[in-house]
Amino acid sequence: MQSALNELAKRTNGDVYIGVVGSVRVGKSTLITKLLDHLVVPSI
């Protein structure tokens, strides 16, 4: 997962946009929160 994100960052000059779509109450906000907690917060 980390190597895929590093590759995306190289190709896009560090700008990575992820769209999350789905029905109501399927956990979109939870997914975003967990991604941030695991991928972004440790780097701060």
N, C-alpha and C. Protein backbone atom coordinates (compact mmCIF):
# COMPACT_ATOMS: atom_id res chain seq x y z
N MET A 1 0.82 -1.19 0.00
CA MET A 1 0.00 0.00 0.00
C MET A 1 0.87 1.26 0.00
N GLN A 2 1.89 1.27 0.85
CA GLN A 2 2.75 2.45 0.95
C GLN A 2 3.49 2.71 -0.36
N SER A 3 3.97 1.64 -1.01
CA SER A 3 4.69 1.84 -2.27
C SER A 3 3.76 2.36 -3.36
N ALA A 4 2.52 1.93 -3.35
CA ALA A 4 1.55 2.42 -4.33
C ALA A 4 1.29 3.91 -4.11
N LEU A 5 1.18 4.32 -2.85
CA LEU A 5 0.97 5.74 -2.56
C LEU A 5 2.20 6.57 -2.92
N ASN A 6 3.38 6.03 -2.68
CA ASN A 6 4.60 6.73 -3.07
C ASN A 6 4.67 6.91 -4.58
N GLU A 7 4.29 5.89 -5.32
CA GLU A 7 4.29 5.97 -6.79
C GLU A 7 3.29 7.02 -7.27
N LEU A 8 2.10 7.03 -6.67
CA LEU A 8 1.10 8.05 -7.03
C LEU A 8 1.62 9.45 -6.73
N ALA A 9 2.25 9.61 -5.60
CA ALA A 9 2.77 10.92 -5.21
C ALA A 9 3.82 11.41 -6.21
N LYS A 10 4.68 10.51 -6.67
CA LYS A 10 5.70 10.88 -7.66
C LYS A 10 5.06 11.34 -8.96
N ARG A 11 4.07 10.60 -9.42
CA ARG A 11 3.43 10.89 -10.70
C ARG A 11 2.60 12.16 -10.67
N THR A 12 2.10 12.54 -9.49
CA THR A 12 1.18 13.67 -9.40
C THR A 12 1.78 14.85 -8.65
N ASN A 13 3.09 14.85 -8.45
CA ASN A 13 3.77 15.91 -7.70
C ASN A 13 3.21 16.08 -6.30
N GLY A 14 2.81 14.99 -5.69
CA GLY A 14 2.34 15.01 -4.31
C GLY A 14 0.86 15.25 -4.12
N ASP A 15 0.13 15.53 -5.21
CA ASP A 15 -1.31 15.77 -5.11
C ASP A 15 -2.06 14.49 -5.41
N VAL A 16 -2.73 13.95 -4.41
CA VAL A 16 -3.51 12.73 -4.59
C VAL A 16 -4.93 13.00 -4.12
N TYR A 17 -5.89 12.81 -4.99
CA TYR A 17 -7.29 13.00 -4.66
C TYR A 17 -8.00 11.66 -4.73
N ILE A 18 -8.76 11.35 -3.70
CA ILE A 18 -9.49 10.09 -3.65
C ILE A 18 -10.96 10.40 -3.51
N GLY A 19 -11.77 9.90 -4.42
CA GLY A 19 -13.21 10.08 -4.34
C GLY A 19 -13.85 8.86 -3.69
N VAL A 20 -14.70 9.11 -2.73
CA VAL A 20 -15.39 8.03 -2.03
C VAL A 20 -16.88 8.22 -2.24
N VAL A 21 -17.51 7.26 -2.89
CA VAL A 21 -18.95 7.34 -3.14
C VAL A 21 -19.63 6.09 -2.62
N GLY A 22 -20.89 6.22 -2.32
CA GLY A 22 -21.64 5.08 -1.84
C GLY A 22 -22.97 5.50 -1.25
N SER A 23 -23.76 4.54 -0.93
CA SER A 23 -25.08 4.80 -0.36
C SER A 23 -24.94 5.38 1.05
N VAL A 24 -26.06 5.84 1.55
CA VAL A 24 -26.12 6.38 2.90
C VAL A 24 -25.81 5.27 3.91
N ARG A 25 -25.03 5.61 4.94
CA ARG A 25 -24.75 4.74 6.07
C ARG A 25 -23.93 3.49 5.72
N VAL A 26 -23.02 3.62 4.76
CA VAL A 26 -22.17 2.48 4.43
C VAL A 26 -20.75 2.64 4.97
N GLY A 27 -20.45 3.77 5.62
CA GLY A 27 -19.15 3.94 6.25
C GLY A 27 -18.15 4.79 5.49
N LYS A 28 -18.61 5.68 4.64
CA LYS A 28 -17.68 6.52 3.88
C LYS A 28 -16.83 7.39 4.80
N SER A 29 -17.45 8.05 5.74
CA SER A 29 -16.70 8.90 6.67
C SER A 29 -15.76 8.09 7.54
N THR A 30 -16.18 6.92 7.95
CA THR A 30 -15.32 6.04 8.74
C THR A 30 -14.10 5.62 7.94
N LEU A 31 -14.29 5.29 6.68
CA LEU A 31 -13.18 4.92 5.81
C LEU A 31 -12.18 6.06 5.69
N ILE A 32 -12.67 7.26 5.46
CA ILE A 32 -11.79 8.42 5.32
C ILE A 32 -11.03 8.67 6.62
N THR A 33 -11.72 8.59 7.74
CA THR A 33 -11.08 8.79 9.05
C THR A 33 -9.99 7.77 9.29
N LYS A 34 -10.27 6.51 8.99
CA LYS A 34 -9.27 5.46 9.22
C LYS A 34 -8.07 5.62 8.28
N LEU A 35 -8.32 6.00 7.03
CA LEU A 35 -7.21 6.25 6.11
C LEU A 35 -6.31 7.37 6.62
N LEU A 36 -6.92 8.45 7.07
CA LEU A 36 -6.14 9.56 7.61
C LEU A 36 -5.36 9.14 8.84
N ASP A 37 -5.99 8.39 9.73
CA ASP A 37 -5.33 7.94 10.95
C ASP A 37 -4.13 7.05 10.66
N HIS A 38 -4.24 6.21 9.64
CA HIS A 38 -3.17 5.24 9.36
C HIS A 38 -2.10 5.77 8.41
N LEU A 39 -2.48 6.65 7.49
CA LEU A 39 -1.53 7.07 6.46
C LEU A 39 -1.00 8.49 6.65
N VAL A 40 -1.82 9.38 7.16
CA VAL A 40 -1.42 10.79 7.23
C VAL A 40 -0.89 11.16 8.61
N VAL A 41 -1.63 10.84 9.64
CA VAL A 41 -1.26 11.26 11.00
C VAL A 41 0.13 10.76 11.41
N PRO A 42 0.50 9.52 11.11
CA PRO A 42 1.85 9.07 11.51
C PRO A 42 2.98 9.88 10.84
N SER A 43 2.69 10.52 9.72
CA SER A 43 3.71 11.29 9.01
C SER A 43 3.85 12.71 9.53
N ILE A 44 2.96 13.11 10.39
CA ILE A 44 2.98 14.50 10.90
C ILE A 44 3.93 14.59 12.07
